């Protein structure tokens, strides 16, 4: 299945990337096939990191300065609450963010 995903990606994505001069960002969050990051790197696609959803197990907040260079960092995405909702609804986590990340 990995090989099928890679073949389809290498067939489809170049056409999409060449159809526009926009900078494309691939969603590489959550459980993804192991071939995703190599394909993205080969095609020059930037990745996505959500600071409140870090890749590292046991870590509450990601550190943007530790993200790969070809990465967009955002405070939220379609799988999480908006920044404002998080700010208003989760005081404990908000305080930990300020204490541990913002300083």
PDB file of N, CA and C in Angstrom:
ATOM      1  N   UNK A   1       0.818  -1.191   0.000  1.00  0.00           N
ATOM      2  CA  UNK A   1       0.000   0.000   0.000  1.00  0.00           C
ATOM      3  C   UNK A   1       0.868   1.263   0.000  1.00  0.00           C
ATOM      4  N   UNK A   2       2.003   1.218   0.698  1.00  0.00           N
ATOM      5  CA  UNK A   2       2.928   2.356   0.702  1.00  0.00           C
ATOM      6  C   UNK A   2       3.383   2.674  -0.720  1.00  0.00           C
ATOM      7  N   UNK A   3       3.729   1.628  -1.457  1.00  0.00           N
ATOM      8  CA  UNK A   3       4.212   1.829  -2.823  1.00  0.00           C
ATOM      9  C   UNK A   3       3.117   2.425  -3.702  1.00  0.00           C
ATOM     10  N   UNK A   4       1.884   1.975  -3.521  1.00  0.00           N
ATOM     11  CA  UNK A   4       0.756   2.520  -4.284  1.00  0.00           C
ATOM     12  C   UNK A   4       0.559   3.997  -3.963  1.00  0.00           C
ATOM     13  N   UNK A   5       0.629   4.341  -2.672  1.00  0.00           N
ATOM     14  CA  UNK A   5       0.467   5.747  -2.281  1.00  0.00           C
ATOM     15  C   UNK A   5       1.555   6.590  -2.915  1.00  0.00           C
ATOM     16  N   UNK A   6       2.801   6.125  -2.852  1.00  0.00           N
ATOM     17  CA  UNK A   6       3.929   6.875  -3.408  1.00  0.00           C
ATOM     18  C   UNK A   6       3.775   7.050  -4.917  1.00  0.00           C
ATOM     19  N   UNK A   7       3.436   5.979  -5.619  1.00  0.00           N
ATOM     20  CA  UNK A   7       3.273   6.067  -7.088  1.00  0.00           C
ATOM     21  C   UNK A   7       2.175   7.059  -7.450  1.00  0.00           C
ATOM     22  N   UNK A   8       1.048   6.974  -6.767  1.00  0.00           N
ATOM     23  CA  UNK A   8      -0.056   7.899  -7.056  1.00  0.00           C
ATOM     24  C   UNK A   8       0.321   9.339  -6.731  1.00  0.00           C
ATOM     25  N   UNK A   9       1.027   9.528  -5.627  1.00  0.00           N
ATOM     26  CA  UNK A   9       1.456  10.880  -5.250  1.00  0.00           C
ATOM     27  C   UNK A   9       2.406  11.453  -6.294  1.00  0.00           C
ATOM     28  N   UNK A  10       3.364  10.650  -6.749  1.00  0.00           N
ATOM     29  CA  UNK A  10       4.353  11.130  -7.713  1.00  0.00           C
ATOM     30  C   UNK A  10       3.737  11.335  -9.099  1.00  0.00           C
ATOM     31  N   UNK A  11       2.588  10.743  -9.335  1.00  0.00           N
ATOM     32  CA  UNK A  11       1.876  10.932 -10.602  1.00  0.00           C
ATOM     33  C   UNK A  11       0.961  12.159 -10.535  1.00  0.00           C
ATOM     34  N   UNK A  12       0.286  12.345  -9.420  1.00  0.00           N
ATOM     35  CA  UNK A  12      -0.728  13.389  -9.280  1.00  0.00           C
ATOM     36  C   UNK A  12      -0.186  14.729  -8.795  1.00  0.00           C
ATOM     37  N   UNK A  13       0.632  14.706  -7.772  1.00  0.00           N
ATOM     38  CA  UNK A  13       1.068  15.953  -7.143  1.00  0.00           C
ATOM     39  C   UNK A  13       1.875  16.875  -8.053  1.00  0.00           C
ATOM     40  N   UNK A  14       2.804  16.374  -8.884  1.00  0.00           N
ATOM     41  CA  UNK A  14       3.525  17.306  -9.766  1.00  0.00           C
ATOM     42  C   UNK A  14       2.590  18.106 -10.672  1.00  0.00           C
ATOM     43  N   UNK A  15       1.532  17.478 -11.172  1.00  0.00           N
ATOM     44  CA  UNK A  15       0.574  18.202 -12.020  1.00  0.00           C
ATOM     45  C   UNK A  15      -0.111  19.310 -11.227  1.00  0.00           C
ATOM     46  N   UNK A  16      -0.487  19.020  -9.999  1.00  0.00           N
ATOM     47  CA  UNK A  16      -1.122  20.043  -9.159  1.00  0.00           C
ATOM     48  C   UNK A  16      -0.145  21.168  -8.837  1.00  0.00           C
ATOM     49  N   UNK A  17       1.074  20.806  -8.480  1.00  0.00           N
ATOM     50  CA  UNK A  17       2.076  21.809  -8.114  1.00  0.00           C
ATOM     51  C   UNK A  17       2.446  22.699  -9.293  1.00  0.00           C
ATOM     52  N   UNK A  18       2.472  22.137 -10.489  1.00  0.00           N
ATOM     53  CA  UNK A  18       2.836  22.905 -11.685  1.00  0.00           C
ATOM     54  C   UNK A  18       1.687  23.729 -12.245  1.00  0.00           C
ATOM     55  N   UNK A  19       0.477  23.543 -11.724  1.00  0.00           N
ATOM     56  CA  UNK A  19      -0.676  24.272 -12.252  1.00  0.00           C
ATOM     57  C   UNK A  19      -0.841  25.651 -11.616  1.00  0.00           C
ATOM     58  N   UNK A  20      -0.002  25.977 -10.641  1.00  0.00           N
ATOM     59  CA  UNK A  20      -0.121  27.250  -9.938  1.00  0.00           C
ATOM     60  C   UNK A  20       1.252  27.681  -9.434  1.00  0.00           C
ATOM     61  N   UNK A  21       1.391  28.981  -9.180  1.00  0.00           N
ATOM     62  CA  UNK A  21       2.649  29.450  -8.601  1.00  0.00           C
ATOM     63  C   UNK A  21       2.540  29.610  -7.075  1.00  0.00           C
ATOM     64  N   UNK A  22       1.461  29.093  -6.506  1.00  0.00           N
ATOM     65  CA  UNK A  22       1.290  29.157  -5.054  1.00  0.00           C
ATOM     66  C   UNK A  22       2.224  28.171  -4.360  1.00  0.00           C
ATOM     67  N   UNK A  23       2.595  28.486  -3.145  1.00  0.00           N
ATOM     68  CA  UNK A  23       3.385  27.589  -2.321  1.00  0.00           C
ATOM     69  C   UNK A  23       2.429  26.575  -1.699  1.00  0.00           C
ATOM     70  N   UNK A  24       2.637  25.312  -1.979  1.00  0.00           N
ATOM     71  CA  UNK A  24       1.729  24.272  -1.492  1.00  0.00           C
ATOM     72  C   UNK A  24       2.193  23.733  -0.147  1.00  0.00           C
ATOM     73  N   UNK A  25       1.229  23.451   0.693  1.00  0.00           N
ATOM     74  CA  UNK A  25       1.494  22.891   2.017  1.00  0.00           C
ATOM     75  C   UNK A  25       0.744  21.571   2.124  1.00  0.00           C
ATOM     76  N   UNK A  26       1.445  20.516   2.470  1.00  0.00           N
ATOM     77  CA  UNK A  26       0.814  19.215   2.633  1.00  0.00           C
ATOM     78  C   UNK A  26       0.477  18.969   4.090  1.00  0.00           C
ATOM     79  N   UNK A  27      -0.679  18.405   4.338  1.00  0.00           N
ATOM     80  CA  UNK A  27      -1.042  18.094   5.725  1.00  0.00           C
ATOM     81  C   UNK A  27      -0.396  16.777   6.104  1.00  0.00           C
ATOM     82  N   UNK A  28       0.588  16.851   6.947  1.00  0.00           N
ATOM     83  CA  UNK A  28       1.310  15.660   7.388  1.00  0.00           C
ATOM     84  C   UNK A  28       1.138  15.452   8.890  1.00  0.00           C
ATOM     85  N   UNK A  29      -0.096  15.598   9.338  1.00  0.00           N
ATOM     86  CA  UNK A  29      -0.428  15.452  10.756  1.00  0.00           C
ATOM     87  C   UNK A  29      -0.997  14.066  11.024  1.00  0.00           C
ATOM     88  N   UNK A  30      -0.869  13.618  12.240  1.00  0.00           N
ATOM     89  CA  UNK A  30      -1.491  12.364  12.641  1.00  0.00           C
ATOM     90  C   UNK A  30      -0.779  11.142  12.091  1.00  0.00           C
ATOM     91  N   UNK A  31      -1.531  10.057  11.953  1.00  0.00           N
ATOM     92  CA  UNK A  31      -0.974   8.811  11.437  1.00  0.00           C
ATOM     93  C   UNK A  31      -0.948   8.871   9.917  1.00  0.00           C
ATOM     94  N   UNK A  32       0.241   8.838   9.350  1.00  0.00           N
ATOM     95  CA  UNK A  32       0.402   8.930   7.901  1.00  0.00           C
ATOM     96  C   UNK A  32       1.346   7.825   7.435  1.00  0.00           C
ATOM     97  N   UNK A  33       1.243   7.430   6.167  1.00  0.00           N
ATOM     98  CA  UNK A  33       2.183   6.433   5.644  1.00  0.00           C
ATOM     99  C   UNK A  33       3.623   6.939   5.754  1.00  0.00           C
ATOM    100  N   UNK A  34       4.565   6.032   5.936  1.00  0.00           N
ATOM    101  CA  UNK A  34       5.964   6.427   6.121  1.00  0.00           C
ATOM    102  C   UNK A  34       6.565   7.081   4.884  1.00  0.00           C
ATOM    103  N   UNK A  35       5.941   6.912   3.734  1.00  0.00           N
ATOM    104  CA  UNK A  35       6.472   7.509   2.506  1.00  0.00           C
ATOM    105  C   UNK A  35       6.073   8.980   2.343  1.00  0.00           C
ATOM    106  N   UNK A  36       5.189   9.480   3.182  1.00  0.00           N
ATOM    107  CA  UNK A  36       4.684  10.850   3.012  1.00  0.00           C
ATOM    108  C   UNK A  36       5.799  11.883   3.106  1.00  0.00           C
ATOM    109  N   UNK A  37       6.587  11.856   4.170  1.00  0.00           N
ATOM    110  CA  UNK A  37       7.627  12.878   4.326  1.00  0.00           C
ATOM    111  C   UNK A  37       8.681  12.828   3.220  1.00  0.00           C
ATOM    112  N   UNK A  38       9.169  11.644   2.819  1.00  0.00           N
ATOM    113  CA  UNK A  38      10.116  11.626   1.693  1.00  0.00           C
ATOM    114  C   UNK A  38       9.517  12.178   0.398  1.00  0.00           C
ATOM    115  N   UNK A  39       8.258  11.864   0.114  1.00  0.00           N
ATOM    116  CA  UNK A  39       7.602  12.390  -1.092  1.00  0.00           C
ATOM    117  C   UNK A  39       7.482  13.906  -0.995  1.00  0.00           C
ATOM    118  N   UNK A  40       7.069  14.396   0.160  1.00  0.00           N
ATOM    119  CA  UNK A  40       6.939  15.848   0.330  1.00  0.00           C
ATOM    120  C   UNK A  40       8.284  16.535   0.148  1.00  0.00           C
ATOM    121  N   UNK A  41       9.328  15.945   0.703  1.00  0.00           N
ATOM    122  CA  UNK A  41      10.663  16.540   0.565  1.00  0.00           C
ATOM    123  C   UNK A  41      11.110  16.526  -0.897  1.00  0.00           C
ATOM    124  N   UNK A  42      10.882  15.430  -1.568  1.00  0.00           N
ATOM    125  CA  UNK A  42      11.270  15.307  -2.976  1.00  0.00           C
ATOM    126  C   UNK A  42      10.556  16.333  -3.853  1.00  0.00           C
ATOM    127  N   UNK A  43       9.302  16.614  -3.547  1.00  0.00           N
ATOM    128  CA  UNK A  43       8.508  17.544  -4.353  1.00  0.00           C
ATOM    129  C   UNK A  43       8.573  18.985  -3.846  1.00  0.00           C
ATOM    130  N   UNK A  44       9.236  19.210  -2.728  1.00  0.00           N
ATOM    131  CA  UNK A  44       9.354  20.563  -2.192  1.00  0.00           C
ATOM    132  C   UNK A  44       8.100  21.064  -1.506  1.00  0.00           C
ATOM    133  N   UNK A  45       7.280  20.142  -1.012  1.00  0.00           N
ATOM    134  CA  UNK A  45       6.071  20.525  -0.278  1.00  0.00           C
ATOM    135  C   UNK A  45       6.430  20.844   1.168  1.00  0.00           C
ATOM    136  N   UNK A  46       5.889  21.927   1.676  1.00  0.00           N
ATOM    137  CA  UNK A  46       6.127  22.241   3.076  1.00  0.00           C
ATOM    138  C   UNK A  46       5.133  21.475   3.946  1.00  0.00           C
ATOM    139  N   UNK A  47       5.537  21.172   5.166  1.00  0.00           N
ATOM    140  CA  UNK A  47       4.699  20.436   6.097  1.00  0.00           C
ATOM    141  C   UNK A  47       3.922  21.372   7.005  1.00  0.00           C
ATOM    142  N   UNK A  48       3.112  20.793   7.860  1.00  0.00           N
ATOM    143  CA  UNK A  48       2.268  21.558   8.769  1.00  0.00           C
ATOM    144  C   UNK A  48       2.483  21.063  10.195  1.00  0.00           C
ATOM    145  N   UNK A  49       2.646  21.987  11.118  1.00  0.00           N
ATOM    146  CA  UNK A  49       2.751  21.649  12.530  1.00  0.00           C
ATOM    147  C   UNK A  49       1.790  22.535  13.306  1.00  0.00           C
ATOM    148  N   UNK A  50       1.054  21.917  14.213  1.00  0.00           N
ATOM    149  CA  UNK A  50       0.130  22.630  15.087  1.00  0.00           C
ATOM    150  C   UNK A  50       0.742  22.587  16.481  1.00  0.00           C
ATOM    151  N   UNK A  51       1.046  23.745  17.030  1.00  0.00           N
ATOM    152  CA  UNK A  51       1.786  23.813  18.285  1.00  0.00           C
ATOM    153  C   UNK A  51       1.075  23.082  19.417  1.00  0.00           C
ATOM    154  N   UNK A  52      -0.241  23.085  19.414  1.00  0.00           N
ATOM    155  CA  UNK A  52      -1.002  22.412  20.477  1.00  0.00           C
ATOM    156  C   UNK A  52      -1.180  20.925  20.213  1.00  0.00           C
ATOM    157  N   UNK A  53      -0.670  20.421  19.082  1.00  0.00           N
ATOM    158  CA  UNK A  53      -0.772  19.002  18.727  1.00  0.00           C
ATOM    159  C   UNK A  53       0.612  18.497  18.311  1.00  0.00           C
ATOM    160  N   UNK A  54       1.575  18.473  19.232  1.00  0.00           N
ATOM    161  CA  UNK A  54       2.942  18.104  18.859  1.00  0.00           C
ATOM    162  C   UNK A  54       3.070  16.646  18.421  1.00  0.00           C
ATOM    163  N   UNK A  55       4.050  16.389  17.577  1.00  0.00           N
ATOM    164  CA  UNK A  55       4.320  15.029  17.095  1.00  0.00           C
ATOM    165  C   UNK A  55       4.950  14.150  18.164  1.00  0.00           C
ATOM    166  N   UNK A  56       5.668  14.756  19.083  1.00  0.00           N
ATOM    167  CA  UNK A  56       6.402  14.003  20.093  1.00  0.00           C
ATOM    168  C   UNK A  56       5.471  13.558  21.221  1.00  0.00           C
ATOM    169  N   UNK A  57       5.380  12.244  21.461  1.00  0.00           N
ATOM    170  CA  UNK A  57       4.530  11.758  22.555  1.00  0.00           C
ATOM    171  C   UNK A  57       4.978  12.315  23.905  1.00  0.00           C
ATOM    172  N   UNK A  58       4.011  12.647  24.741  1.00  0.00           N
ATOM    173  CA  UNK A  58       4.303  13.135  26.076  1.00  0.00           C
ATOM    174  C   UNK A  58       4.651  14.610  26.159  1.00  0.00           C
ATOM    175  N   UNK A  59       4.676  15.287  25.018  1.00  0.00           N
ATOM    176  CA  UNK A  59       4.976  16.719  24.982  1.00  0.00           C
ATOM    177  C   UNK A  59       3.663  17.463  24.787  1.00  0.00           C
ATOM    178  N   UNK A  60       3.403  18.454  25.622  1.00  0.00           N
ATOM    179  CA  UNK A  60       2.120  19.158  25.543  1.00  0.00           C
ATOM    180  C   UNK A  60       2.080  20.203  24.436  1.00  0.00           C
ATOM    181  N   UNK A  61       3.198  20.900  24.218  1.00  0.00           N
ATOM    182  CA  UNK A  61       3.251  21.951  23.198  1.00  0.00           C
ATOM    183  C   UNK A  61       4.509  21.789  22.356  1.00  0.00           C
ATOM    184  N   UNK A  62       4.350  21.933  21.047  1.00  0.00           N
ATOM    185  CA  UNK A  62       5.503  21.894  20.172  1.00  0.00           C
ATOM    186  C   UNK A  62       6.305  23.181  20.280  1.00  0.00           C
ATOM    187  N   UNK A  63       7.564  23.099  19.910  1.00  0.00           N
ATOM    188  CA  UNK A  63       8.452  24.262  19.933  1.00  0.00           C
ATOM    189  C   UNK A  63       8.785  24.611  18.482  1.00  0.00           C
ATOM    190  N   UNK A  64       8.226  25.704  17.963  1.00  0.00           N
ATOM    191  CA  UNK A  64       8.421  26.035  16.548  1.00  0.00           C
ATOM    192  C   UNK A  64       9.881  26.080  16.103  1.00  0.00           C
ATOM    193  N   UNK A  65      10.789  26.502  16.968  1.00  0.00           N
ATOM    194  CA  UNK A  65      12.200  26.560  16.572  1.00  0.00           C
ATOM    195  C   UNK A  65      12.800  25.170  16.364  1.00  0.00           C
ATOM    196  N   UNK A  66      12.111  24.130  16.813  1.00  0.00           N
ATOM    197  CA  UNK A  66      12.572  22.760  16.611  1.00  0.00           C
ATOM    198  C   UNK A  66      11.957  22.121  15.365  1.00  0.00           C
ATOM    199  N   UNK A  67      11.026  22.792  14.722  1.00  0.00           N
ATOM    200  CA  UNK A  67      10.367  22.228  13.547  1.00  0.00           C
ATOM    201  C   UNK A  67      11.305  22.264  12.347  1.00  0.00           C
ATOM    202  N   UNK A  68      11.094  21.362  11.385  1.00  0.00           N
ATOM    203  CA  UNK A  68      11.900  21.408  10.162  1.00  0.00           C
ATOM    204  C   UNK A  68      11.736  22.761   9.457  1.00  0.00           C
ATOM    205  N   UNK A  69      12.749  23.154   8.721  1.00  0.00           N
ATOM    206  CA  UNK A  69      12.729  24.440   8.021  1.00  0.00           C
ATOM    207  C   UNK A  69      11.522  24.558   7.088  1.00  0.00           C
ATOM    208  N   UNK A  70      11.216  23.499   6.373  1.00  0.00           N
ATOM    209  CA  UNK A  70      10.104  23.518   5.412  1.00  0.00           C
ATOM    210  C   UNK A  70       8.788  23.194   6.118  1.00  0.00           C
ATOM    211  N   UNK A  71       8.420  24.021   7.076  1.00  0.00           N
ATOM    212  CA  UNK A  71       7.231  23.792   7.888  1.00  0.00           C
ATOM    213  C   UNK A  71       6.475  25.089   8.133  1.00  0.00           C
ATOM    214  N   UNK A  72       5.152  24.996   8.074  1.00  0.00           N
ATOM    215  CA  UNK A  72       4.283  26.083   8.506  1.00  0.00           C
ATOM    216  C   UNK A  72       3.819  25.722   9.912  1.00  0.00           C
ATOM    217  N   UNK A  73       3.917  26.661  10.819  1.00  0.00           N
ATOM    218  CA  UNK A  73       3.455  26.448  12.188  1.00  0.00           C
ATOM    219  C   UNK A  73       2.179  27.262  12.377  1.00  0.00           C
ATOM    220  N   UNK A  74       1.155  26.627  12.924  1.00  0.00           N
ATOM    221  CA  UNK A  74      -0.115  27.316  13.151  1.00  0.00           C
ATOM    222  C   UNK A  74      -0.624  26.986  14.553  1.00  0.00           C
ATOM    223  N   UNK A  75      -1.427  27.877  15.139  1.00  0.00           N
ATOM    224  CA  UNK A  75      -1.956  27.605  16.475  1.00  0.00           C
ATOM    225  C   UNK A  75      -3.120  26.614  16.480  1.00  0.00           C
ATOM    226  N   UNK A  76      -3.781  26.431  15.332  1.00  0.00           N
ATOM    227  CA  UNK A  76      -4.903  25.498  15.268  1.00  0.00           C
ATOM    228  C   UNK A  76      -5.123  25.071  13.824  1.00  0.00           C
ATOM    229  N   UNK A  77      -5.995  24.087  13.654  1.00  0.00           N
ATOM    230  CA  UNK A  77      -6.359  23.612  12.314  1.00  0.00           C
ATOM    231  C   UNK A  77      -7.804  23.123  12.367  1.00  0.00           C
ATOM    232  N   UNK A  78      -8.252  22.497  11.294  1.00  0.00           N
ATOM    233  CA  UNK A  78      -9.637  22.028  11.237  1.00  0.00           C
ATOM    234  C   UNK A  78      -9.927  20.906  12.239  1.00  0.00           C
ATOM    235  N   UNK A  79      -8.893  20.292  12.806  1.00  0.00           N
ATOM    236  CA  UNK A  79      -9.075  19.223  13.791  1.00  0.00           C
ATOM    237  C   UNK A  79      -9.001  19.714  15.235  1.00  0.00           C
ATOM    238  N   UNK A  80      -8.877  21.012  15.425  1.00  0.00           N
ATOM    239  CA  UNK A  80      -8.761  21.545  16.785  1.00  0.00           C
ATOM    240  C   UNK A  80      -9.641  22.780  16.935  1.00  0.00           C
ATOM    241  N   UNK A  81      -9.796  23.196  18.180  1.00  0.00           N
ATOM    242  CA  UNK A  81     -10.576  24.412  18.420  1.00  0.00           C
ATOM    243  C   UNK A  81      -9.814  25.619  17.884  1.00  0.00           C
ATOM    244  N   UNK A  82     -10.538  26.691  17.670  1.00  0.00           N
ATOM    245  CA  UNK A  82      -9.878  27.926  17.247  1.00  0.00           C
ATOM    246  C   UNK A  82      -9.013  28.430  18.396  1.00  0.00           C
ATOM    247  N   UNK A  83      -8.083  29.295  18.086  1.00  0.00           N
ATOM    248  CA  UNK A  83      -7.214  29.845  19.125  1.00  0.00           C
ATOM    249  C   UNK A  83      -8.045  30.580  20.180  1.00  0.00           C
ATOM    250  N   UNK A  84      -9.024  31.337  19.730  1.00  0.00           N
ATOM    251  CA  UNK A  84      -9.861  32.079  20.676  1.00  0.00           C
ATOM    252  C   UNK A  84     -10.637  31.135  21.592  1.00  0.00           C
ATOM    253  N   UNK A  85     -11.231  30.079  21.024  1.00  0.00           N
ATOM    254  CA  UNK A  85     -11.993  29.132  21.844  1.00  0.00           C
ATOM    255  C   UNK A  85     -11.084  28.456  22.865  1.00  0.00           C
ATOM    256  N   UNK A  86      -9.902  28.045  22.435  1.00  0.00           N
ATOM    257  CA  UNK A  86      -8.956  27.419  23.354  1.00  0.00           C
ATOM    258  C   UNK A  86      -8.591  28.387  24.476  1.00  0.00           C
ATOM    259  N   UNK A  87      -8.331  29.616  24.106  1.00  0.00           N
ATOM    260  CA  UNK A  87      -7.946  30.658  25.065  1.00  0.00           C
ATOM    261  C   UNK A  87      -9.034  30.845  26.124  1.00  0.00           C
ATOM    262  N   UNK A  88     -10.290  30.847  25.686  1.00  0.00           N
ATOM    263  CA  UNK A  88     -11.404  31.110  26.596  1.00  0.00           C
ATOM    264  C   UNK A  88     -11.844  29.883  27.386  1.00  0.00           C
ATOM    265  N   UNK A  89     -11.659  28.682  26.839  1.00  0.00           N
ATOM    266  CA  UNK A  89     -12.243  27.487  27.439  1.00  0.00           C
ATOM    267  C   UNK A  89     -11.282  26.627  28.251  1.00  0.00           C
ATOM    268  N   UNK A  90      -9.994  26.761  28.052  1.00  0.00           N
ATOM    269  CA  UNK A  90      -9.052  25.853  28.706  1.00  0.00           C
ATOM    270  C   UNK A  90      -7.998  26.646  29.472  1.00  0.00           C
ATOM    271  N   UNK A  91      -8.419  27.211  30.595  1.00  0.00           N
ATOM    272  CA  UNK A  91      -7.539  28.107  31.349  1.00  0.00           C
ATOM    273  C   UNK A  91      -6.276  27.405  31.844  1.00  0.00           C
ATOM    274  N   UNK A  92      -6.411  26.167  32.306  1.00  0.00           N
ATOM    275  CA  UNK A  92      -5.246  25.446  32.815  1.00  0.00           C
ATOM    276  C   UNK A  92      -4.181  25.245  31.750  1.00  0.00           C
ATOM    277  N   UNK A  93      -4.605  24.828  30.600  1.00  0.00           N
ATOM    278  CA  UNK A  93      -3.648  24.599  29.505  1.00  0.00           C
ATOM    279  C   UNK A  93      -3.066  25.926  29.018  1.00  0.00           C
ATOM    280  N   UNK A  94      -3.909  26.939  28.974  1.00  0.00           N
ATOM    281  CA  UNK A  94      -3.444  28.273  28.570  1.00  0.00           C
ATOM    282  C   UNK A  94      -2.351  28.762  29.513  1.00  0.00           C
ATOM    283  N   UNK A  95      -2.540  28.568  30.804  1.00  0.00           N
ATOM    284  CA  UNK A  95      -1.532  28.994  31.788  1.00  0.00           C
ATOM    285  C   UNK A  95      -0.230  28.201  31.620  1.00  0.00           C
ATOM    286  N   UNK A  96      -0.362  26.893  31.379  1.00  0.00           N
ATOM    287  CA  UNK A  96       0.839  26.078  31.161  1.00  0.00           C
ATOM    288  C   UNK A  96       1.571  26.526  29.902  1.00  0.00           C
ATOM    289  N   UNK A  97       0.815  26.906  28.876  1.00  0.00           N
ATOM    290  CA  UNK A  97       1.440  27.397  27.646  1.00  0.00           C
ATOM    291  C   UNK A  97       2.264  28.647  27.946  1.00  0.00           C
ATOM    292  N   UNK A  98       1.670  29.581  28.664  1.00  0.00           N
ATOM    293  CA  UNK A  98       2.394  30.817  28.984  1.00  0.00           C
ATOM    294  C   UNK A  98       3.593  30.551  29.884  1.00  0.00           C
ATOM    295  N   UNK A  99       3.423  29.684  30.850  1.00  0.00           N
ATOM    296  CA  UNK A  99       4.521  29.385  31.770  1.00  0.00           C
ATOM    297  C   UNK A  99       5.668  28.666  31.069  1.00  0.00           C
ATOM    298  N   UNK A 100       5.342  27.651  30.270  1.00  0.00           N
ATOM    299  CA  UNK A 100       6.366  26.783  29.686  1.00  0.00           C
ATOM    300  C   UNK A 100       6.865  27.208  28.314  1.00  0.00           C
ATOM    301  N   UNK A 101       6.054  27.924  27.554  1.00  0.00           N
ATOM    302  CA  UNK A 101       6.445  28.269  26.185  1.00  0.00           C
ATOM    303  C   UNK A 101       6.777  29.749  26.044  1.00  0.00           C
ATOM    304  N   UNK A 102       5.867  30.592  26.479  1.00  0.00           N
ATOM    305  CA  UNK A 102       6.064  32.033  26.309  1.00  0.00           C
ATOM    306  C   UNK A 102       7.071  32.555  27.333  1.00  0.00           C
ATOM    307  N   UNK A 103       6.985  32.038  28.538  1.00  0.00           N
ATOM    308  CA  UNK A 103       7.949  32.427  29.570  1.00  0.00           C
ATOM    309  C   UNK A 103       7.481  33.562  30.349  1.00  0.00           C
TER     310      UNK A 103
END
